[in-house]
Amino acid sequence: MRRVMLAAPWALFAYAAVITESQGATSVAECVQVAPENVAQGMSLEVHNTCDFAVRCALKWRVRCEGDAPDAAPRNMSLAVELATAAKRRLMASGEACGDRIWEITDDVWECKEVQ
């Protein structure tokens, strides 16, 4: 893989958490920890569920590749994971769809909800 361009600092990625109805004032944003790290392949995300309930988390992002036509639609990518209480997972958001071309990640959104 060649050089990577990240469109925005991943430390500032969008984190959309939903307040769970069954847990009252407990917000998923308060008990799911996400630690992003830039790596050569893209963005590594360690997700740790410290909630007292299971959660389902989804990460969505778009990838644009070097040489794409200016009006070409970006590639929509996503990952989803369910985490039991105290579970941890490492996820990778990458531009592997571009092969050896330079790529850019944009429009990243992270969302976790209580598993009902």
PDB file of N, CA and C in Angstrom:
ATOM      1  N   MET A   1       0.854  -1.176   0.000  1.00  0.00           N
ATOM      2  CA  MET A   1       0.000   0.000   0.000  1.00  0.00           C
ATOM      3  C   MET A   1       0.893   1.230   0.000  1.00  0.00           C
ATOM      4  N   ARG A   2       0.478   2.224  -0.697  1.00  0.00           N
ATOM      5  CA  ARG A   2       1.223   3.471  -0.765  1.00  0.00           C
ATOM      6  C   ARG A   2       0.751   4.419   0.310  1.00  0.00           C
ATOM      7  N   ARG A   3       1.177   5.624   0.195  1.00  0.00           N
ATOM      8  CA  ARG A   3       0.882   6.677   1.169  1.00  0.00           C
ATOM      9  C   ARG A   3      -0.620   6.853   1.352  1.00  0.00           C
ATOM     10  N   VAL A   4      -1.014   7.246   2.550  1.00  0.00           N
ATOM     11  CA  VAL A   4      -2.424   7.388   2.916  1.00  0.00           C
ATOM     12  C   VAL A   4      -2.725   8.844   3.232  1.00  0.00           C
ATOM     13  N   MET A   5      -3.874   9.307   2.822  1.00  0.00           N
ATOM     14  CA  MET A   5      -4.321  10.651   3.184  1.00  0.00           C
ATOM     15  C   MET A   5      -5.585  10.503   4.009  1.00  0.00           C
ATOM     16  N   LEU A   6      -5.594  11.069   5.184  1.00  0.00           N
ATOM     17  CA  LEU A   6      -6.807  11.108   5.986  1.00  0.00           C
ATOM     18  C   LEU A   6      -7.393  12.495   5.846  1.00  0.00           C
ATOM     19  N   ALA A   7      -8.637  12.579   5.479  1.00  0.00           N
ATOM     20  CA  ALA A   7      -9.257  13.865   5.166  1.00  0.00           C
ATOM     21  C   ALA A   7      -9.393  14.763   6.382  1.00  0.00           C
ATOM     22  N   ALA A   8      -9.589  14.191   7.537  1.00  0.00           N
ATOM     23  CA  ALA A   8      -9.753  14.975   8.758  1.00  0.00           C
ATOM     24  C   ALA A   8      -9.054  14.225   9.873  1.00  0.00           C
ATOM     25  N   PRO A   9      -8.595  14.914  10.897  1.00  0.00           N
ATOM     26  CA  PRO A   9      -7.960  14.202  12.001  1.00  0.00           C
ATOM     27  C   PRO A   9      -8.934  13.209  12.616  1.00  0.00           C
ATOM     28  N   TRP A  10      -8.537  11.943  12.668  1.00  0.00           N
ATOM     29  CA  TRP A  10      -9.426  10.912  13.190  1.00  0.00           C
ATOM     30  C   TRP A  10      -9.694  11.071  14.667  1.00  0.00           C
ATOM     31  N   ALA A  11      -8.859  11.797  15.363  1.00  0.00           N
ATOM     32  CA  ALA A  11      -9.143  12.027  16.778  1.00  0.00           C
ATOM     33  C   ALA A  11     -10.439  12.804  16.932  1.00  0.00           C
ATOM     34  N   LEU A  12     -10.861  13.452  15.860  1.00  0.00           N
ATOM     35  CA  LEU A  12     -12.084  14.247  15.892  1.00  0.00           C
ATOM     36  C   LEU A  12     -13.226  13.568  15.155  1.00  0.00           C
ATOM     37  N   PHE A  13     -13.124  12.235  14.957  1.00  0.00           N
ATOM     38  CA  PHE A  13     -14.168  11.562  14.205  1.00  0.00           C
ATOM     39  C   PHE A  13     -15.517  11.714  14.885  1.00  0.00           C
ATOM     40  N   ALA A  14     -16.554  11.659  14.082  1.00  0.00           N
ATOM     41  CA  ALA A  14     -17.911  11.864  14.600  1.00  0.00           C
ATOM     42  C   ALA A  14     -18.312  10.674  15.454  1.00  0.00           C
ATOM     43  N   TYR A  15     -18.752  10.939  16.640  1.00  0.00           N
ATOM     44  CA  TYR A  15     -19.206   9.880  17.546  1.00  0.00           C
ATOM     45  C   TYR A  15     -20.647  10.185  17.902  1.00  0.00           C
ATOM     46  N   ALA A  16     -21.560   9.392  17.384  1.00  0.00           N
ATOM     47  CA  ALA A  16     -22.978   9.608  17.644  1.00  0.00           C
ATOM     48  C   ALA A  16     -23.466   8.506  18.568  1.00  0.00           C
ATOM     49  N   ALA A  17     -23.803   8.847  19.770  1.00  0.00           N
ATOM     50  CA  ALA A  17     -24.281   7.848  20.726  1.00  0.00           C
ATOM     51  C   ALA A  17     -25.744   8.113  21.027  1.00  0.00           C
ATOM     52  N   VAL A  18     -26.472   7.056  21.259  1.00  0.00           N
ATOM     53  CA  VAL A  18     -27.897   7.154  21.527  1.00  0.00           C
ATOM     54  C   VAL A  18     -28.128   6.854  22.998  1.00  0.00           C
ATOM     55  N   ILE A  19     -28.911   7.685  23.666  1.00  0.00           N
ATOM     56  CA  ILE A  19     -29.268   7.416  25.054  1.00  0.00           C
ATOM     57  C   ILE A  19     -30.283   6.291  25.057  1.00  0.00           C
ATOM     58  N   THR A  20     -30.012   5.272  25.838  1.00  0.00           N
ATOM     59  CA  THR A  20     -30.888   4.110  25.833  1.00  0.00           C
ATOM     60  C   THR A  20     -32.107   4.362  26.695  1.00  0.00           C
ATOM     61  N   GLU A  21     -33.245   3.921  26.232  1.00  0.00           N
ATOM     62  CA  GLU A  21     -34.485   4.126  26.972  1.00  0.00           C
ATOM     63  C   GLU A  21     -34.527   3.278  28.239  1.00  0.00           C
ATOM     64  N   SER A  22     -34.080   2.036  28.150  1.00  0.00           N
ATOM     65  CA  SER A  22     -34.179   1.151  29.307  1.00  0.00           C
ATOM     66  C   SER A  22     -33.171   1.499  30.397  1.00  0.00           C
ATOM     67  N   GLN A  23     -32.128   2.206  30.064  1.00  0.00           N
ATOM     68  CA  GLN A  23     -31.110   2.545  31.049  1.00  0.00           C
ATOM     69  C   GLN A  23     -31.279   3.957  31.600  1.00  0.00           C
ATOM     70  N   GLY A  24     -32.368   4.636  31.252  1.00  0.00           N
ATOM     71  CA  GLY A  24     -32.636   5.965  31.785  1.00  0.00           C
ATOM     72  C   GLY A  24     -31.569   6.966  31.388  1.00  0.00           C
ATOM     73  N   ALA A  25     -30.893   7.546  32.382  1.00  0.00           N
ATOM     74  CA  ALA A  25     -29.935   8.619  32.128  1.00  0.00           C
ATOM     75  C   ALA A  25     -28.583   8.101  31.664  1.00  0.00           C
ATOM     76  N   THR A  26     -28.344   6.787  31.720  1.00  0.00           N
ATOM     77  CA  THR A  26     -27.067   6.252  31.291  1.00  0.00           C
ATOM     78  C   THR A  26     -26.958   6.366  29.776  1.00  0.00           C
ATOM     79  N   SER A  27     -25.955   7.044  29.309  1.00  0.00           N
ATOM     80  CA  SER A  27     -25.747   7.229  27.888  1.00  0.00           C
ATOM     81  C   SER A  27     -24.680   6.262  27.394  1.00  0.00           C
ATOM     82  N   VAL A  28     -24.896   5.700  26.225  1.00  0.00           N
ATOM     83  CA  VAL A  28     -23.908   4.812  25.638  1.00  0.00           C
ATOM     84  C   VAL A  28     -22.586   5.559  25.467  1.00  0.00           C
ATOM     85  N   ALA A  29     -22.635   6.850  25.164  1.00  0.00           N
ATOM     86  CA  ALA A  29     -21.417   7.641  24.998  1.00  0.00           C
ATOM     87  C   ALA A  29     -20.589   7.684  26.277  1.00  0.00           C
ATOM     88  N   GLU A  30     -21.227   7.495  27.416  1.00  0.00           N
ATOM     89  CA  GLU A  30     -20.515   7.534  28.693  1.00  0.00           C
ATOM     90  C   GLU A  30     -19.829   6.218  29.022  1.00  0.00           C
ATOM     91  N   CYS A  31     -20.248   5.128  28.407  1.00  0.00           N
ATOM     92  CA  CYS A  31     -19.687   3.841  28.810  1.00  0.00           C
ATOM     93  C   CYS A  31     -19.066   3.027  27.675  1.00  0.00           C
ATOM     94  N   VAL A  32     -19.069   3.531  26.461  1.00  0.00           N
ATOM     95  CA  VAL A  32     -18.334   2.887  25.373  1.00  0.00           C
ATOM     96  C   VAL A  32     -17.131   3.772  25.070  1.00  0.00           C
ATOM     97  N   GLN A  33     -15.949   3.188  25.208  1.00  0.00           N
ATOM     98  CA  GLN A  33     -14.714   3.933  24.963  1.00  0.00           C
ATOM     99  C   GLN A  33     -14.159   3.541  23.605  1.00  0.00           C
ATOM    100  N   VAL A  34     -13.814   4.536  22.809  1.00  0.00           N
ATOM    101  CA  VAL A  34     -13.251   4.309  21.485  1.00  0.00           C
ATOM    102  C   VAL A  34     -11.915   5.032  21.419  1.00  0.00           C
ATOM    103  N   ALA A  35     -10.858   4.277  21.143  1.00  0.00           N
ATOM    104  CA  ALA A  35      -9.513   4.848  21.050  1.00  0.00           C
ATOM    105  C   ALA A  35      -9.007   4.702  19.615  1.00  0.00           C
ATOM    106  N   PRO A  36      -9.020   5.800  18.844  1.00  0.00           N
ATOM    107  CA  PRO A  36      -8.536   5.729  17.464  1.00  0.00           C
ATOM    108  C   PRO A  36      -7.019   5.864  17.403  1.00  0.00           C
ATOM    109  N   GLU A  37      -6.425   5.225  16.403  1.00  0.00           N
ATOM    110  CA  GLU A  37      -4.980   5.320  16.193  1.00  0.00           C
ATOM    111  C   GLU A  37      -4.705   5.260  14.692  1.00  0.00           C
ATOM    112  N   ASN A  38      -3.964   6.237  14.167  1.00  0.00           N
ATOM    113  CA  ASN A  38      -3.576   6.214  12.762  1.00  0.00           C
ATOM    114  C   ASN A  38      -2.516   5.143  12.564  1.00  0.00           C
ATOM    115  N   VAL A  39      -2.730   4.288  11.586  1.00  0.00           N
ATOM    116  CA  VAL A  39      -1.760   3.259  11.215  1.00  0.00           C
ATOM    117  C   VAL A  39      -1.614   3.286   9.701  1.00  0.00           C
ATOM    118  N   ALA A  40      -0.609   2.609   9.181  1.00  0.00           N
ATOM    119  CA  ALA A  40      -0.343   2.644   7.737  1.00  0.00           C
ATOM    120  C   ALA A  40      -1.537   2.195   6.908  1.00  0.00           C
ATOM    121  N   GLN A  41      -2.330   1.247   7.412  1.00  0.00           N
ATOM    122  CA  GLN A  41      -3.467   0.716   6.655  1.00  0.00           C
ATOM    123  C   GLN A  41      -4.703   1.602   6.746  1.00  0.00           C
ATOM    124  N   GLY A  42      -4.725   2.561   7.683  1.00  0.00           N
ATOM    125  CA  GLY A  42      -5.892   3.425   7.846  1.00  0.00           C
ATOM    126  C   GLY A  42      -6.054   3.867   9.280  1.00  0.00           C
ATOM    127  N   MET A  43      -7.173   3.498   9.889  1.00  0.00           N
ATOM    128  CA  MET A  43      -7.471   3.872  11.257  1.00  0.00           C
ATOM    129  C   MET A  43      -7.822   2.624  12.042  1.00  0.00           C
ATOM    130  N   SER A  44      -7.060   2.384  13.096  1.00  0.00           N
ATOM    131  CA  SER A  44      -7.347   1.295  14.005  1.00  0.00           C
ATOM    132  C   SER A  44      -8.181   1.868  15.147  1.00  0.00           C
ATOM    133  N   LEU A  45      -9.271   1.195  15.487  1.00  0.00           N
ATOM    134  CA  LEU A  45     -10.152   1.646  16.561  1.00  0.00           C
ATOM    135  C   LEU A  45     -10.288   0.547  17.603  1.00  0.00           C
ATOM    136  N   GLU A  46      -9.865   0.850  18.829  1.00  0.00           N
ATOM    137  CA  GLU A  46     -10.113  -0.090  19.915  1.00  0.00           C
ATOM    138  C   GLU A  46     -11.398   0.339  20.595  1.00  0.00           C
ATOM    139  N   VAL A  47     -12.370  -0.552  20.631  1.00  0.00           N
ATOM    140  CA  VAL A  47     -13.676  -0.268  21.215  1.00  0.00           C
ATOM    141  C   VAL A  47     -13.824  -1.112  22.475  1.00  0.00           C
ATOM    142  N   HIS A  48     -14.150  -0.456  23.591  1.00  0.00           N
ATOM    143  CA  HIS A  48     -14.295  -1.146  24.873  1.00  0.00           C
ATOM    144  C   HIS A  48     -15.658  -0.802  25.461  1.00  0.00           C
ATOM    145  N   ASN A  49     -16.478  -1.835  25.692  1.00  0.00           N
ATOM    146  CA  ASN A  49     -17.806  -1.646  26.266  1.00  0.00           C
ATOM    147  C   ASN A  49     -17.718  -1.761  27.782  1.00  0.00           C
ATOM    148  N   THR A  50     -17.851  -0.636  28.475  1.00  0.00           N
ATOM    149  CA  THR A  50     -17.883  -0.656  29.939  1.00  0.00           C
ATOM    150  C   THR A  50     -19.309  -0.467  30.457  1.00  0.00           C
ATOM    151  N   CYS A  51     -20.281  -0.545  29.563  1.00  0.00           N
ATOM    152  CA  CYS A  51     -21.691  -0.425  29.946  1.00  0.00           C
ATOM    153  C   CYS A  51     -22.125  -1.671  30.715  1.00  0.00           C
ATOM    154  N   ASP A  52     -23.234  -1.571  31.398  1.00  0.00           N
ATOM    155  CA  ASP A  52     -23.824  -2.708  32.098  1.00  0.00           C
ATOM    156  C   ASP A  52     -24.763  -3.493  31.187  1.00  0.00           C
ATOM    157  N   PHE A  53     -24.652  -3.266  29.895  1.00  0.00           N
ATOM    158  CA  PHE A  53     -25.508  -3.922  28.915  1.00  0.00           C
ATOM    159  C   PHE A  53     -24.720  -4.098  27.624  1.00  0.00           C
ATOM    160  N   ALA A  54     -25.158  -5.017  26.780  1.00  0.00           N
ATOM    161  CA  ALA A  54     -24.507  -5.249  25.494  1.00  0.00           C
ATOM    162  C   ALA A  54     -24.814  -4.097  24.539  1.00  0.00           C
ATOM    163  N   VAL A  55     -23.875  -3.808  23.646  1.00  0.00           N
ATOM    164  CA  VAL A  55     -24.071  -2.744  22.665  1.00  0.00           C
ATOM    165  C   VAL A  55     -23.742  -3.251  21.263  1.00  0.00           C
ATOM    166  N   ARG A  56     -24.335  -2.613  20.282  1.00  0.00           N
ATOM    167  CA  ARG A  56     -24.002  -2.834  18.871  1.00  0.00           C
ATOM    168  C   ARG A  56     -23.453  -1.525  18.354  1.00  0.00           C
ATOM    169  N   CYS A  57     -22.238  -1.574  17.828  1.00  0.00           N
ATOM    170  CA  CYS A  57     -21.580  -0.371  17.324  1.00  0.00           C
ATOM    171  C   CYS A  57     -21.348  -0.502  15.820  1.00  0.00           C
ATOM    172  N   ALA A  58     -21.496   0.606  15.126  1.00  0.00           N
ATOM    173  CA  ALA A  58     -21.284   0.631  13.681  1.00  0.00           C
ATOM    174  C   ALA A  58     -20.391   1.805  13.326  1.00  0.00           C
ATOM    175  N   LEU A  59     -19.458   1.569  12.435  1.00  0.00           N
ATOM    176  CA  LEU A  59     -18.573   2.595  11.904  1.00  0.00           C
ATOM    177  C   LEU A  59     -18.817   2.662  10.409  1.00  0.00           C
ATOM    178  N   LYS A  60     -19.067   3.868   9.911  1.00  0.00           N
ATOM    179  CA  LYS A  60     -19.258   4.078   8.477  1.00  0.00           C
ATOM    180  C   LYS A  60     -18.275   5.134   8.017  1.00  0.00           C
ATOM    181  N   TRP A  61     -17.720   4.951   6.812  1.00  0.00           N
ATOM    182  CA  TRP A  61     -16.816   5.934   6.248  1.00  0.00           C
ATOM    183  C   TRP A  61     -16.841   5.810   4.732  1.00  0.00           C
ATOM    184  N   ARG A  62     -16.266   6.792   4.079  1.00  0.00           N
ATOM    185  CA  ARG A  62     -16.172   6.780   2.623  1.00  0.00           C
ATOM    186  C   ARG A  62     -14.707   6.808   2.228  1.00  0.00           C
ATOM    187  N   VAL A  63     -14.405   6.130   1.131  1.00  0.00           N
ATOM    188  CA  VAL A  63     -13.041   6.079   0.618  1.00  0.00           C
ATOM    189  C   VAL A  63     -13.032   6.627  -0.802  1.00  0.00           C
ATOM    190  N   ARG A  64     -12.095   7.520  -1.067  1.00  0.00           N
ATOM    191  CA  ARG A  64     -11.845   8.009  -2.426  1.00  0.00           C
ATOM    192  C   ARG A  64     -10.440   7.587  -2.796  1.00  0.00           C
ATOM    193  N   CYS A  65     -10.264   7.151  -4.036  1.00  0.00           N
ATOM    194  CA  CYS A  65      -8.975   6.660  -4.500  1.00  0.00           C
ATOM    195  C   CYS A  65      -8.334   7.646  -5.478  1.00  0.00           C
ATOM    196  N   GLU A  66      -7.014   7.691  -5.455  1.00  0.00           N
ATOM    197  CA  GLU A  66      -6.262   8.493  -6.407  1.00  0.00           C
ATOM    198  C   GLU A  66      -6.646   8.042  -7.823  1.00  0.00           C
ATOM    199  N   GLY A  67      -6.914   9.007  -8.683  1.00  0.00           N
ATOM    200  CA  GLY A  67      -7.268   8.689 -10.053  1.00  0.00           C
ATOM    201  C   GLY A  67      -8.758   8.548 -10.301  1.00  0.00           C
ATOM    202  N   ASP A  68      -9.570   8.587  -9.235  1.00  0.00           N
ATOM    203  CA  ASP A  68     -11.019   8.554  -9.429  1.00  0.00           C
ATOM    204  C   ASP A  68     -11.457   9.815 -10.173  1.00  0.00           C
ATOM    205  N   ALA A  69     -12.447   9.692 -11.024  1.00  0.00           N
ATOM    206  CA  ALA A  69     -13.011  10.863 -11.693  1.00  0.00           C
ATOM    207  C   ALA A  69     -13.579  11.809 -10.636  1.00  0.00           C
ATOM    208  N   PRO A  70     -13.477  13.132 -10.864  1.00  0.00           N
ATOM    209  CA  PRO A  70     -13.986  14.086  -9.877  1.00  0.00           C
ATOM    210  C   PRO A  70     -15.450  13.874  -9.512  1.00  0.00           C
ATOM    211  N   ASP A  71     -16.245  13.388 -10.455  1.00  0.00           N
ATOM    212  CA  ASP A  71     -17.662  13.186 -10.170  1.00  0.00           C
ATOM    213  C   ASP A  71     -17.997  11.737  -9.768  1.00  0.00           C
ATOM    214  N   ALA A  72     -16.962  10.904  -9.594  1.00  0.00           N
ATOM    215  CA  ALA A  72     -17.190   9.516  -9.194  1.00  0.00           C
ATOM    216  C   ALA A  72     -17.672   9.455  -7.745  1.00  0.00           C
ATOM    217  N   ALA A  73     -18.619   8.593  -7.500  1.00  0.00           N
ATOM    218  CA  ALA A  73     -19.124   8.435  -6.135  1.00  0.00           C
ATOM    219  C   ALA A  73     -18.056   7.777  -5.269  1.00  0.00           C
ATOM    220  N   PRO A  74     -17.925   8.233  -4.028  1.00  0.00           N
ATOM    221  CA  PRO A  74     -16.971   7.579  -3.129  1.00  0.00           C
ATOM    222  C   PRO A  74     -17.456   6.182  -2.767  1.00  0.00           C
ATOM    223  N   ARG A  75     -16.544   5.350  -2.325  1.00  0.00           N
ATOM    224  CA  ARG A  75     -16.894   3.989  -1.906  1.00  0.00           C
ATOM    225  C   ARG A  75     -17.389   4.043  -0.470  1.00  0.00           C
ATOM    226  N   ASN A  76     -18.621   3.602  -0.234  1.00  0.00           N
ATOM    227  CA  ASN A  76     -19.183   3.567   1.112  1.00  0.00           C
ATOM    228  C   ASN A  76     -18.733   2.289   1.802  1.00  0.00           C
ATOM    229  N   MET A  77     -18.139   2.430   2.980  1.00  0.00           N
ATOM    230  CA  MET A  77     -17.618   1.299   3.735  1.00  0.00           C
ATOM    231  C   MET A  77     -18.268   1.286   5.116  1.00  0.00           C
ATOM    232  N   SER A  78     -18.325   0.108   5.740  1.00  0.00           N
ATOM    233  CA  SER A  78     -18.882   0.025   7.088  1.00  0.00           C
ATOM    234  C   SER A  78     -18.413  -1.238   7.799  1.00  0.00           C
ATOM    235  N   LEU A  79     -18.423  -1.157   9.104  1.00  0.00           N
ATOM    236  CA  LEU A  79     -18.150  -2.289   9.990  1.00  0.00           C
ATOM    237  C   LEU A  79     -19.154  -2.228  11.124  1.00  0.00           C
ATOM    238  N   ALA A  80     -19.561  -3.373  11.631  1.00  0.00           N
ATOM    239  CA  ALA A  80     -20.457  -3.408  12.788  1.00  0.00           C
ATOM    240  C   ALA A  80     -19.981  -4.510  13.723  1.00  0.00           C
ATOM    241  N   VAL A  81     -20.187  -4.281  15.006  1.00  0.00           N
ATOM    242  CA  VAL A  81     -19.765  -5.258  16.002  1.00  0.00           C
ATOM    243  C   VAL A  81     -20.708  -5.191  17.199  1.00  0.00           C
ATOM    244  N   GLU A  82     -21.006  -6.351  17.777  1.00  0.00           N
ATOM    245  CA  GLU A  82     -21.752  -6.402  19.029  1.00  0.00           C
ATOM    246  C   GLU A  82     -20.765  -6.722  20.135  1.00  0.00           C
ATOM    247  N   LEU A  83     -20.874  -5.992  21.238  1.00  0.00           N
ATOM    248  CA  LEU A  83     -19.973  -6.174  22.364  1.00  0.00           C
ATOM    249  C   LEU A  83     -20.767  -6.440  23.638  1.00  0.00           C
ATOM    250  N   ALA A  84     -20.451  -7.534  24.296  1.00  0.00           N
ATOM    251  CA  ALA A  84     -21.037  -7.815  25.604  1.00  0.00           C
ATOM    252  C   ALA A  84     -20.394  -6.865  26.619  1.00  0.00           C
ATOM    253  N   THR A  85     -20.926  -6.835  27.821  1.00  0.00           N
ATOM    254  CA  THR A  85     -20.344  -6.018  28.881  1.00  0.00           C
ATOM    255  C   THR A  85     -18.887  -6.416  29.086  1.00  0.00           C
ATOM    256  N   ALA A  86     -18.018  -5.425  29.194  1.00  0.00           N
ATOM    257  CA  ALA A  86     -16.575  -5.573  29.426  1.00  0.00           C
ATOM    258  C   ALA A  86     -15.813  -6.097  28.209  1.00  0.00           C
ATOM    259  N   ALA A  87     -16.454  -6.274  27.072  1.00  0.00           N
ATOM    260  CA  ALA A  87     -15.777  -6.781  25.880  1.00  0.00           C
ATOM    261  C   ALA A  87     -14.999  -5.673  25.178  1.00  0.00           C
ATOM    262  N   LYS A  88     -13.909  -6.069  24.508  1.00  0.00           N
ATOM    263  CA  LYS A  88     -13.077  -5.160  23.715  1.00  0.00           C
ATOM    264  C   LYS A  88     -12.892  -5.756  22.332  1.00  0.00           C
ATOM    265  N   ARG A  89     -12.812  -4.878  21.332  1.00  0.00           N
ATOM    266  CA  ARG A  89     -12.512  -5.293  19.957  1.00  0.00           C
ATOM    267  C   ARG A  89     -11.683  -4.227  19.286  1.00  0.00           C
ATOM    268  N   ARG A  90     -10.812  -4.639  18.393  1.00  0.00           N
ATOM    269  CA  ARG A  90     -10.056  -3.708  17.574  1.00  0.00           C
ATOM    270  C   ARG A  90     -10.595  -3.828  16.149  1.00  0.00           C
ATOM    271  N   LEU A  91     -11.008  -2.692  15.594  1.00  0.00           N
ATOM    272  CA  LEU A  91     -11.552  -2.638  14.243  1.00  0.00           C
ATOM    273  C   LEU A  91     -10.626  -1.821  13.365  1.00  0.00           C
ATOM    274  N   MET A  92     -10.648  -2.080  12.064  1.00  0.00           N
ATOM    275  CA  MET A  92      -9.797  -1.356  11.132  1.00  0.00           C
ATOM    276  C   MET A  92     -10.638  -0.706  10.044  1.00  0.00           C
ATOM    277  N   ALA A  93     -10.592   0.614   9.968  1.00  0.00           N
ATOM    278  CA  ALA A  93     -11.198   1.356   8.860  1.00  0.00           C
ATOM    279  C   ALA A  93     -10.065   1.645   7.893  1.00  0.00           C
ATOM    280  N   SER A  94     -10.153   1.114   6.694  1.00  0.00           N
ATOM    281  CA  SER A  94      -9.028   1.242   5.769  1.00  0.00           C
ATOM    282  C   SER A  94      -9.480   1.663   4.383  1.00  0.00           C
ATOM    283  N   GLY A  95      -8.503   1.905   3.545  1.00  0.00           N
ATOM    284  CA  GLY A  95      -8.746   2.232   2.149  1.00  0.00           C
ATOM    285  C   GLY A  95      -8.312   1.107   1.238  1.00  0.00           C
ATOM    286  N   GLU A  96      -8.353  -0.130   1.731  1.00  0.00           N
ATOM    287  CA  GLU A  96      -7.867  -1.269   0.954  1.00  0.00           C
ATOM    288  C   GLU A  96      -8.609  -1.438  -0.372  1.00  0.00           C
ATOM    289  N   ALA A  97      -9.800  -0.858  -0.491  1.00  0.00           N
ATOM    290  CA  ALA A  97     -10.550  -0.944  -1.754  1.00  0.00           C
ATOM    291  C   ALA A  97      -9.801  -0.266  -2.894  1.00  0.00           C
ATOM    292  N   CYS A  98      -8.836   0.592  -2.570  1.00  0.00           N
ATOM    293  CA  CYS A  98      -8.074   1.312  -3.593  1.00  0.00           C
ATOM    294  C   CYS A  98      -6.829   0.552  -4.042  1.00  0.00           C
ATOM    295  N   GLY A  99      -6.543  -0.573  -3.423  1.00  0.00           N
ATOM    296  CA  GLY A  99      -5.343  -1.322  -3.791  1.00  0.00           C
ATOM    297  C   GLY A  99      -4.092  -0.525  -3.485  1.00  0.00           C
ATOM    298  N   ASP A 100      -3.206  -0.387  -4.480  1.00  0.00           N
ATOM    299  CA  ASP A 100      -1.935   0.315  -4.288  1.00  0.00           C
ATOM    300  C   ASP A 100      -2.031   1.823  -4.474  1.00  0.00           C
ATOM    301  N   ARG A 101      -3.204   2.313  -4.846  1.00  0.00           N
ATOM    302  CA  ARG A 101      -3.358   3.757  -5.068  1.00  0.00           C
ATOM    303  C   ARG A 101      -3.454   4.509  -3.747  1.00  0.00           C
ATOM    304  N   ILE A 102      -3.117   5.778  -3.784  1.00  0.00           N
ATOM    305  CA  ILE A 102      -3.289   6.651  -2.623  1.00  0.00           C
ATOM    306  C   ILE A 102      -4.781   6.784  -2.371  1.00  0.00           C
ATOM    307  N   TRP A 103      -5.169   6.810  -1.094  1.00  0.00           N
ATOM    308  CA  TRP A 103      -6.581   6.896  -0.763  1.00  0.00           C
ATOM    309  C   TRP A 103      -6.817   7.907   0.339  1.00  0.00           C
ATOM    310  N   GLU A 104      -8.094   8.266   0.478  1.00  0.00           N
ATOM    311  CA  GLU A 104      -8.518   9.263   1.457  1.00  0.00           C
ATOM    312  C   GLU A 104      -9.793   8.762   2.127  1.00  0.00           C
ATOM    313  N   ILE A 105      -9.837   8.841   3.456  1.00  0.00           N
ATOM    314  CA  ILE A 105     -11.038   8.495   4.205  1.00  0.00           C
ATOM    315  C   ILE A 105     -11.772   9.783   4.554  1.00  0.00           C
ATOM    316  N   THR A 106     -13.089   9.797   4.299  1.00  0.00           N
ATOM    317  CA  THR A 106     -13.906  10.969   4.621  1.00  0.00           C
ATOM    318  C   THR A 106     -15.218  10.520   5.248  1.00  0.00           C
ATOM    319  N   ASP A 107     -15.961  11.479   5.777  1.00  0.00           N
ATOM    320  CA  ASP A 107     -17.333  11.281   6.258  1.00  0.00           C
ATOM    321  C   ASP A 107     -17.473  10.108   7.228  1.00  0.00           C
ATOM    322  N   ASP A 108     -16.565  10.016   8.179  1.00  0.00           N
ATOM    323  CA  ASP A 108     -16.608   8.924   9.137  1.00  0.00           C
ATOM    324  C   ASP A 108     -17.618   9.213  10.244  1.00  0.00           C
ATOM    325  N   VAL A 109     -18.411   8.189  10.589  1.00  0.00           N
ATOM    326  CA  VAL A 109     -19.426   8.306  11.636  1.00  0.00           C
ATOM    327  C   VAL A 109     -19.394   7.034  12.467  1.00  0.00           C
ATOM    328  N   TRP A 110     -19.392   7.190  13.762  1.00  0.00           N
ATOM    329  CA  TRP A 110     -19.391   6.071  14.694  1.00  0.00           C
ATOM    330  C   TRP A 110     -20.653   6.144  15.532  1.00  0.00           C
ATOM    331  N   GLU A 111     -21.378   5.019  15.681  1.00  0.00           N
ATOM    332  CA  GLU A 111     -22.604   5.027  16.465  1.00  0.00           C
ATOM    333  C   GLU A 111     -22.725   3.715  17.235  1.00  0.00           C
ATOM    334  N   CYS A 112     -23.083   3.827  18.513  1.00  0.00           N
ATOM    335  CA  CYS A 112     -23.336   2.645  19.351  1.00  0.00           C
ATOM    336  C   CYS A 112     -24.720   2.754  19.963  1.00  0.00           C
ATOM    337  N   LYS A 113     -25.396   1.594  20.048  1.00  0.00           N
ATOM    338  CA  LYS A 113     -26.729   1.534  20.650  1.00  0.00           C
ATOM    339  C   LYS A 113     -26.814   0.297  21.529  1.00  0.00           C
ATOM    340  N   GLU A 114     -27.681   0.358  22.509  1.00  0.00           N
ATOM    341  CA  GLU A 114     -27.918  -0.800  23.352  1.00  0.00           C
ATOM    342  C   GLU A 114     -28.573  -1.895  22.527  1.00  0.00           C
ATOM    343  N   VAL A 115     -28.110  -3.138  22.734  1.00  0.00           N
ATOM    344  CA  VAL A 115     -28.741  -4.287  22.088  1.00  0.00           C
ATOM    345  C   VAL A 115     -30.026  -4.573  22.822  1.00  0.00           C
ATOM    346  N   GLN A 116     -31.136  -4.578  22.117  1.00  0.00           N
ATOM    347  CA  GLN A 116     -32.450  -4.791  22.734  1.00  0.00           C
ATOM    348  C   GLN A 116     -32.815  -6.245  22.767  1.00  0.00           C
TER     349      GLN A 116
END
